[in-house]
Protein backbone atom coordinates (compact mmCIF):
# COMPACT_ATOMS: atom_id res chain seq x y z
CA UNK A 1 -3.39 23.25 12.36
CA UNK A 2 -2.88 20.32 14.58
CA UNK A 3 -2.06 16.88 13.00
CA UNK A 4 -5.01 14.62 12.89
CA UNK A 5 -2.84 11.67 12.73
CA UNK A 6 -0.35 12.08 15.62
CA UNK A 7 -2.33 14.62 17.55
CA UNK A 8 1.01 16.28 18.53
CA UNK A 9 2.38 18.19 15.77
CA UNK A 10 1.60 21.30 13.98
CA UNK A 11 1.50 21.46 10.13
CA UNK A 12 3.58 23.76 8.22
CA UNK A 13 3.73 24.67 4.42
CA UNK A 14 6.13 22.16 2.69
CA UNK A 15 6.64 20.05 -0.33
CA UNK A 16 5.85 16.45 -0.65
CA UNK A 17 6.11 13.56 -3.01
CA UNK A 18 2.57 11.99 -3.75
CA UNK A 19 2.50 8.50 -5.03
CA UNK A 20 -0.74 6.92 -6.58
CA UNK A 21 -1.35 3.39 -7.61
CA UNK A 22 -4.27 2.07 -9.84
CA UNK A 23 -4.20 -1.53 -11.27
CA UNK A 24 -0.82 -1.99 -12.85
CA UNK A 25 -0.06 1.85 -12.93
CA UNK A 26 2.03 3.80 -10.43
CA UNK A 27 2.03 7.68 -10.68
CA UNK A 28 4.54 9.82 -8.87
CA UNK A 29 4.23 13.57 -8.41
CA UNK A 30 6.92 15.11 -6.91
CA UNK A 31 7.18 18.72 -5.02
CA UNK A 32 3.51 19.07 -4.33
CA UNK A 33 2.56 21.95 -2.05
CA UNK A 34 0.94 20.66 1.20
CA UNK A 35 0.66 21.13 4.89
CA UNK A 36 3.20 18.89 6.49
CA UNK A 37 3.23 17.61 10.15
CA UNK A 38 6.56 18.70 12.00
CA UNK A 39 6.03 15.65 14.30
CA UNK A 40 5.20 12.73 12.10
CA UNK A 41 5.55 13.99 8.67
CA UNK A 42 1.81 13.29 7.66
CA UNK A 43 0.79 15.83 4.96
CA UNK A 44 -2.37 17.33 3.85
CA UNK A 45 -3.49 18.63 0.64
CA UNK A 46 -6.17 21.27 -0.09
CA UNK A 47 -9.07 20.44 -2.01
CA UNK A 48 -7.68 22.29 -5.13
CA UNK A 49 -4.16 20.63 -5.02
CA UNK A 50 -5.82 17.13 -4.68
CA UNK A 51 -8.17 17.76 -7.67
CA UNK A 52 -5.08 18.88 -9.71
CA UNK A 53 -2.97 15.92 -8.58
CA UNK A 54 -5.96 13.43 -9.58
CA UNK A 55 -6.46 14.90 -12.81
CA UNK A 56 -2.71 14.70 -13.71
CA UNK A 57 -2.49 11.01 -12.61
CA UNK A 58 -5.76 10.28 -14.53
CA UNK A 59 -3.96 11.72 -17.89
CA UNK A 60 -0.80 9.56 -17.24
CA UNK A 61 -3.07 6.50 -16.53
CA UNK A 62 -5.04 7.10 -19.80
CA UNK A 63 -1.94 7.67 -21.69
CA UNK A 64 -0.91 3.96 -20.70
CA UNK A 65 1.98 4.70 -18.11
CA UNK A 66 3.05 1.96 -16.13
CA UNK A 67 5.33 4.16 -14.07
CA UNK A 68 5.03 7.99 -14.61
CA UNK A 69 7.20 10.67 -12.28
CA UNK A 70 5.96 14.08 -12.87
CA UNK A 71 7.17 17.23 -11.23
CA UNK A 72 4.25 19.38 -9.91
CA UNK A 73 3.99 22.83 -11.57
CA UNK A 74 1.25 25.26 -10.33
């Protein structure tokens, strides 16, 4: 697909690091499957992947994590 951000690049399947922050907690999830723009690097997650990433972040925050680094595993 054409990149919505830069409007020049095309997206390709790849892996990205997603960083989420809420209040005093930071959750980093590495190696998340995404569509990545070959021009600007912007990434797009599918609805299913987004739901999984948010659920894992919620668990980490509920467990009291200030900083949590997680490797994504399908």
